[in-house]
C-alpha atoms as a PDB file:
ATOM      1  CA  SER A   1    -117.434 -11.169 -77.311  1.00  0.00           C
ATOM      2  CA  TYR A   2    -115.199 -11.514 -74.277  1.00  0.00           C
ATOM      3  CA  LEU A   3    -111.599 -12.116 -73.294  1.00  0.00           C
ATOM      4  CA  GLN A   4    -110.780 -14.686 -70.636  1.00  0.00           C
ATOM      5  CA  LEU A   5    -107.834 -16.159 -68.801  1.00  0.00           C
ATOM      6  CA  ASN A   6    -108.555 -19.878 -68.489  1.00  0.00           C
ATOM      7  CA  ILE A   7    -106.361 -21.961 -66.200  1.00  0.00           C
ATOM      8  CA  GLN A   8    -107.277 -25.634 -66.513  1.00  0.00           C
ATOM      9  CA  ASN A   9    -105.549 -28.493 -64.739  1.00  0.00           C
ATOM     10  CA  ASN A  10    -106.170 -31.645 -66.788  1.00  0.00           C
ATOM     11  CA  ASN A  11    -104.960 -33.866 -63.937  1.00  0.00           C
ATOM     12  CA  THR A  12    -107.794 -36.043 -62.597  1.00  0.00           C
ATOM     13  CA  GLY A  13    -106.033 -36.876 -59.315  1.00  0.00           C
ATOM     14  CA  THR A  14    -107.629 -36.854 -55.874  1.00  0.00           C
ATOM     15  CA  ALA A  15    -105.920 -33.563 -54.882  1.00  0.00           C
ATOM     16  CA  ALA A  16    -105.963 -31.763 -58.242  1.00  0.00           C
ATOM     17  CA  SER A  17    -107.024 -28.120 -58.501  1.00  0.00           C
ATOM     18  CA  SER A  18    -106.531 -25.072 -60.697  1.00  0.00           C
ATOM     19  CA  ASP A  19    -105.561 -21.887 -58.855  1.00  0.00           C
ATOM     20  CA  LEU A  20    -104.768 -18.251 -59.504  1.00  0.00           C
ATOM     21  CA  VAL A  21    -102.583 -17.025 -56.621  1.00  0.00           C
ATOM     22  CA  ALA A  22    -101.237 -13.556 -55.807  1.00  0.00           C
ATOM     23  CA  THR A  23     -98.502 -13.416 -53.155  1.00  0.00           C
ATOM     24  CA  SER A  24     -97.215 -10.380 -51.249  1.00  0.00           C
ATOM     25  CA  ASN A  25     -93.514  -9.470 -51.138  1.00  0.00           C
ATOM     26  CA  ASN A  26     -93.164 -11.272 -47.778  1.00  0.00           C
ATOM     27  CA  GLY A  27     -95.381 -14.212 -48.669  1.00  0.00           C
ATOM     28  CA  ASN A  28     -94.724 -17.801 -49.638  1.00  0.00           C
ATOM     29  CA  GLU A  29     -96.644 -21.076 -50.096  1.00  0.00           C
ATOM     30  CA  SER A  30     -98.019 -20.796 -46.536  1.00  0.00           C
ATOM     31  CA  VAL A  31     -98.686 -17.123 -45.721  1.00  0.00           C
ATOM     32  CA  ASN A  32     -99.634 -13.756 -47.194  1.00  0.00           C
ATOM     33  CA  PHE A  33    -101.380 -14.796 -50.380  1.00  0.00           C
ATOM     34  CA  VAL A  34    -104.855 -14.775 -51.887  1.00  0.00           C
ATOM     35  CA  ASN A  35    -106.083 -17.801 -53.802  1.00  0.00           C
ATOM     36  CA  LEU A  36    -108.919 -18.160 -56.299  1.00  0.00           C
ATOM     37  CA  GLY A  37    -109.325 -21.760 -57.337  1.00  0.00           C
ATOM     38  CA  ILE A  38    -111.447 -24.758 -58.196  1.00  0.00           C
ATOM     39  CA  ASN A  39    -110.886 -28.408 -57.370  1.00  0.00           C
ATOM     40  CA  GLY A  40    -110.731 -30.997 -60.120  1.00  0.00           C
ATOM     41  CA  GLY A  41    -113.567 -33.438 -60.765  1.00  0.00           C
ATOM     42  CA  GLY A  42    -111.657 -36.253 -59.060  1.00  0.00           C
ATOM     43  CA  ASN A  43    -110.733 -34.264 -55.943  1.00  0.00           C
ATOM     44  CA  THR A  44    -111.562 -36.195 -52.766  1.00  0.00           C
ATOM     45  CA  SER A  45    -110.013 -33.846 -50.201  1.00  0.00           C
ATOM     46  CA  THR A  46    -112.154 -32.867 -47.214  1.00  0.00           C
ATOM     47  CA  GLY A  47    -112.760 -29.705 -45.200  1.00  0.00           C
ATOM     48  CA  GLN A  48    -114.060 -26.302 -46.213  1.00  0.00           C
ATOM     49  CA  LEU A  49    -112.074 -26.229 -49.471  1.00  0.00           C
ATOM     50  CA  GLY A  50    -112.423 -29.947 -50.240  1.00  0.00           C
ATOM     51  CA  GLY A  51    -114.514 -31.924 -52.677  1.00  0.00           C
ATOM     52  CA  ALA A  52    -114.880 -32.354 -56.390  1.00  0.00           C
ATOM     53  CA  ASN A  53    -115.493 -29.130 -58.341  1.00  0.00           C
ATOM     54  CA  THR A  54    -115.584 -26.952 -55.191  1.00  0.00           C
ATOM     55  CA  ALA A  55    -114.629 -23.364 -56.043  1.00  0.00           C
ATOM     56  CA  TYR A  56    -113.029 -21.079 -53.455  1.00  0.00           C
ATOM     57  CA  LEU A  57    -111.595 -17.655 -52.733  1.00  0.00           C
ATOM     58  CA  TYR A  58    -109.513 -17.261 -49.584  1.00  0.00           C
ATOM     59  CA  SER A  59    -106.550 -15.417 -48.113  1.00  0.00           C
ATOM     60  CA  THR A  60    -103.789 -16.071 -45.589  1.00  0.00           C
ATOM     61  CA  GLY A  61    -102.870 -12.392 -45.282  1.00  0.00           C
ATOM     62  CA  ASN A  62    -104.169 -10.012 -42.641  1.00  0.00           C
ATOM     63  CA  ASP A  63    -107.691  -8.679 -43.225  1.00  0.00           C
ATOM     64  CA  PHE A  64    -109.663  -9.997 -46.183  1.00  0.00           C
ATOM     65  CA  VAL A  65    -111.611  -7.234 -47.897  1.00  0.00           C
ATOM     66  CA  ILE A  66    -114.401  -7.682 -50.426  1.00  0.00           C
ATOM     67  CA  GLY A  67    -116.190  -4.614 -51.649  1.00  0.00           C
ATOM     68  CA  ASN A  68    -117.371  -2.355 -54.408  1.00  0.00           C
ATOM     69  CA  GLY A  69    -115.334   0.825 -54.857  1.00  0.00           C
ATOM     70  CA  THR A  70    -117.936   2.561 -57.038  1.00  0.00           C
ATOM     71  CA  ASN A  71    -119.949   5.297 -55.308  1.00  0.00           C
ATOM     72  CA  ASN A  72    -123.454   4.174 -54.248  1.00  0.00           C
ATOM     73  CA  ALA A  73    -123.052   0.743 -55.863  1.00  0.00           C
ATOM     74  CA  GLU A  74    -124.355  -2.389 -54.173  1.00  0.00           C
ATOM     75  CA  LEU A  75    -122.656  -5.615 -53.237  1.00  0.00           C
ATOM     76  CA  ARG A  76    -124.832  -8.572 -54.230  1.00  0.00           C
ATOM     77  CA  PHE A  77    -124.630 -12.283 -53.494  1.00  0.00           C
ATOM     78  CA  PHE A  78    -126.487 -14.899 -55.521  1.00  0.00           C
ATOM     79  CA  THR A  79    -127.009 -18.620 -55.891  1.00  0.00           C
ATOM     80  CA  THR A  80    -128.644 -20.541 -58.708  1.00  0.00           C
ATOM     81  CA  ALA A  81    -132.073 -22.106 -58.448  1.00  0.00           C
ATOM     82  CA  SER A  82    -133.615 -23.956 -61.401  1.00  0.00           C
ATOM     83  CA  SER A  83    -130.823 -22.672 -63.691  1.00  0.00           C
ATOM     84  CA  THR A  84    -131.683 -19.060 -62.808  1.00  0.00           C
ATOM     85  CA  TYR A  85    -129.408 -16.695 -60.905  1.00  0.00           C
ATOM     86  CA  ALA A  86    -131.276 -15.660 -57.757  1.00  0.00           C
ATOM     87  CA  GLU A  87    -130.060 -12.798 -55.583  1.00  0.00           C
ATOM     88  CA  ARG A  88    -129.914 -13.973 -51.959  1.00  0.00           C
ATOM     89  CA  MET A  89    -128.294 -11.043 -50.139  1.00  0.00           C
ATOM     90  CA  ARG A  90    -127.587  -7.399 -50.879  1.00  0.00           C
ATOM     91  CA  ILE A  91    -125.568  -4.715 -49.114  1.00  0.00           C
ATOM     92  CA  ASP A  92    -126.906  -1.327 -50.163  1.00  0.00           C
ATOM     93  CA  GLY A  93    -124.193   1.059 -51.358  1.00  0.00           C
ATOM     94  CA  PRO A  94    -125.456   4.407 -50.054  1.00  0.00           C
ATOM     95  CA  THR A  95    -126.639   3.159 -46.628  1.00  0.00           C
ATOM     96  CA  GLY A  96    -124.842  -0.106 -45.846  1.00  0.00           C
ATOM     97  CA  ASN A  97    -128.233  -1.683 -45.110  1.00  0.00           C
ATOM     98  CA  VAL A  98    -128.362  -5.463 -45.534  1.00  0.00           C
ATOM     99  CA  ALA A  99    -131.227  -7.388 -47.158  1.00  0.00           C
ATOM    100  CA  ILE A 100    -131.487 -11.167 -47.122  1.00  0.00           C
ATOM    101  CA  GLY A 101    -134.162 -12.703 -49.331  1.00  0.00           C
ATOM    102  CA  SER A 102    -135.235  -9.279 -50.614  1.00  0.00           C
ATOM    103  CA  THR A 103    -133.917  -6.720 -53.079  1.00  0.00           C
ATOM    104  CA  SER A 104    -135.658  -3.615 -51.744  1.00  0.00           C
ATOM    105  CA  PHE A 105    -135.921  -1.770 -48.452  1.00  0.00           C
ATOM    106  CA  ASP A 106    -138.874   0.098 -46.949  1.00  0.00           C
ATOM    107  CA  GLY A 107    -138.861   3.521 -48.663  1.00  0.00           C
ATOM    108  CA  THR A 108    -140.090   5.398 -45.596  1.00  0.00           C
ATOM    109  CA  HIS A 109    -138.279   3.560 -42.792  1.00  0.00           C
ATOM    110  CA  PRO A 110    -135.409   1.593 -44.363  1.00  0.00           C
ATOM    111  CA  GLU A 111    -134.296  -1.394 -42.312  1.00  0.00           C
ATOM    112  CA  LYS A 112    -130.635  -1.809 -41.313  1.00  0.00           C
ATOM    113  CA  LEU A 113    -131.232  -5.572 -41.606  1.00  0.00           C
ATOM    114  CA  LEU A 114    -134.127  -6.925 -43.651  1.00  0.00           C
ATOM    115  CA  ILE A 115    -134.869 -10.643 -43.748  1.00  0.00           C
ATOM    116  CA  ASN A 116    -137.633 -11.830 -46.067  1.00  0.00           C
ATOM    117  CA  ALA A 117    -138.269 -15.568 -45.826  1.00  0.00           C
ATOM    118  CA  GLY A 118    -141.070 -15.403 -48.391  1.00  0.00           C
ATOM    119  CA  THR A 119    -143.443 -18.363 -48.427  1.00  0.00           C
ATOM    120  CA  THR A 120    -141.691 -21.004 -46.386  1.00  0.00           C
ATOM    121  CA  THR A 121    -142.293 -24.319 -44.670  1.00  0.00           C
ATOM    122  CA  SER A 122    -140.024 -23.354 -41.761  1.00  0.00           C
ATOM    123  CA  ASN A 123    -141.287 -21.724 -38.588  1.00  0.00           C
ATOM    124  CA  ASN A 124    -137.848 -20.203 -37.912  1.00  0.00           C
ATOM    125  CA  LEU A 125    -137.086 -16.797 -39.378  1.00  0.00           C
ATOM    126  CA  ILE A 126    -134.172 -16.153 -37.049  1.00  0.00           C
ATOM    127  CA  LYS A 127    -132.807 -18.675 -34.611  1.00  0.00           C
ATOM    128  CA  ALA A 128    -130.276 -17.801 -31.956  1.00  0.00           C
ATOM    129  CA  THR A 129    -128.763 -20.611 -29.903  1.00  0.00           C
ATOM    130  CA  GLY A 130    -125.857 -20.824 -27.534  1.00  0.00           C
ATOM    131  CA  SER A 131    -124.451 -22.422 -24.420  1.00  0.00           C
ATOM    132  CA  TYR A 132    -123.318 -19.935 -21.802  1.00  0.00           C
ATOM    133  CA  ASN A 133    -123.283 -20.194 -18.006  1.00  0.00           C
ATOM    134  CA  GLY A 134    -124.904 -16.800 -17.526  1.00  0.00           C
ATOM    135  CA  LEU A 135    -127.416 -14.472 -19.177  1.00  0.00           C
ATOM    136  CA  LEU A 136    -127.649 -15.346 -22.873  1.00  0.00           C
ATOM    137  CA  LYS A 137    -129.560 -12.565 -24.586  1.00  0.00           C
ATOM    138  CA  THR A 138    -130.695 -11.007 -27.816  1.00  0.00           C
ATOM    139  CA  SER A 139    -130.485  -7.249 -27.410  1.00  0.00           C
ATOM    140  CA  THR A 140    -132.183  -4.239 -28.915  1.00  0.00           C
ATOM    141  CA  ILE A 141    -130.818  -1.035 -27.455  1.00  0.00           C
ATOM    142  CA  ASN A 142    -132.108   2.440 -28.254  1.00  0.00           C
ATOM    143  CA  SER A 143    -129.429   4.768 -26.888  1.00  0.00           C
ATOM    144  CA  SER A 144    -131.646   7.844 -27.298  1.00  0.00           C
ATOM    145  CA  SER A 145    -133.158   9.383 -24.147  1.00  0.00           C
ATOM    146  CA  GLY A 146    -135.609  11.393 -26.252  1.00  0.00           C
ATOM    147  CA  THR A 147    -139.203  12.032 -25.250  1.00  0.00           C
ATOM    148  CA  SER A 148    -140.604   9.400 -27.629  1.00  0.00           C
ATOM    149  CA  ALA A 149    -137.695   6.910 -27.597  1.00  0.00           C
ATOM    150  CA  SER A 150    -138.272   3.260 -26.756  1.00  0.00           C
ATOM    151  CA  ALA A 151    -136.828  -0.151 -27.637  1.00  0.00           C
ATOM    152  CA  ASP A 152    -139.493  -2.619 -28.778  1.00  0.00           C
ATOM    153  CA  PHE A 153    -140.021  -6.087 -30.189  1.00  0.00           C
ATOM    154  CA  VAL A 154    -143.118  -5.875 -32.399  1.00  0.00           C
ATOM    155  CA  ALA A 155    -145.032  -8.715 -34.086  1.00  0.00           C
ATOM    156  CA  PHE A 156    -147.853  -8.310 -36.640  1.00  0.00           C
ATOM    157  CA  ASN A 157    -150.241 -10.962 -37.919  1.00  0.00           C
ATOM    158  CA  ASN A 158    -151.941 -11.054 -41.338  1.00  0.00           C
ATOM    159  CA  ALA A 159    -154.997  -9.206 -39.936  1.00  0.00           C
ATOM    160  CA  GLY A 160    -152.861  -6.292 -38.736  1.00  0.00           C
ATOM    161  CA  ASN A 161    -153.035  -7.185 -35.037  1.00  0.00           C
ATOM    162  CA  ILE A 162    -149.981  -6.070 -33.104  1.00  0.00           C
ATOM    163  CA  LEU A 163    -148.056  -7.455 -30.153  1.00  0.00           C
ATOM    164  CA  ASN A 164    -145.613  -4.871 -28.815  1.00  0.00           C
ATOM    165  CA  ALA A 165    -143.200  -5.682 -26.002  1.00  0.00           C
ATOM    166  CA  GLY A 166    -140.970  -2.743 -25.215  1.00  0.00           C
ATOM    167  CA  ILE A 167    -139.383  -0.419 -22.735  1.00  0.00           C
ATOM    168  CA  ASN A 168    -139.478   3.367 -22.815  1.00  0.00           C
ATOM    169  CA  SER A 169    -136.403   5.574 -22.499  1.00  0.00           C
ATOM    170  CA  SER A 170    -135.581   7.525 -19.358  1.00  0.00           C
ATOM    171  CA  GLY A 171    -136.780  10.716 -21.078  1.00  0.00           C
ATOM    172  CA  TYR A 172    -140.052   9.258 -22.430  1.00  0.00           C
ATOM    173  CA  THR A 173    -142.975  11.676 -21.926  1.00  0.00           C
ATOM    174  CA  LEU A 174    -145.665  10.563 -24.377  1.00  0.00           C
ATOM    175  CA  GLY A 175    -147.735   8.791 -21.717  1.00  0.00           C
ATOM    176  CA  GLY A 176    -149.261   5.383 -22.004  1.00  0.00           C
ATOM    177  CA  ILE A 177    -147.487   2.331 -20.732  1.00  0.00           C
END
């Protein structure tokens, strides 16, 4: 059994919605509130919050914080595919590591950001684009000057072959390239 608070707007108008709003002491209809809502089936408004049956959560206050206050608990995001809830992104509670398309990190060398595209028809795992009149870059910086420190981009194929493009730190002493 469960208990619920159900706010339903029976209006079928083109701007109809049902909303639960909390407003701060210095807030009003325009500022310093948080709004959880859903548009009605006849809603024809446009923009990020527009459209029939679009649900939303937004704020006009200062920072907007979403989190889990339980020690070592995760924050998970899901969508529905074929009527099944499918986790799409996870922020690990103990480490803050982020996984997209995966629910588990490498046990030996956990990734800060893990992206698992699975079997896909796209040849883009990550795409970075921009327009800048100058050096537009993707950076990996290892700030350690240790004797084995380097910053590398590494690619593996299905046969285990490796392509490693990297630069050694100023204190690197292991030899090789």
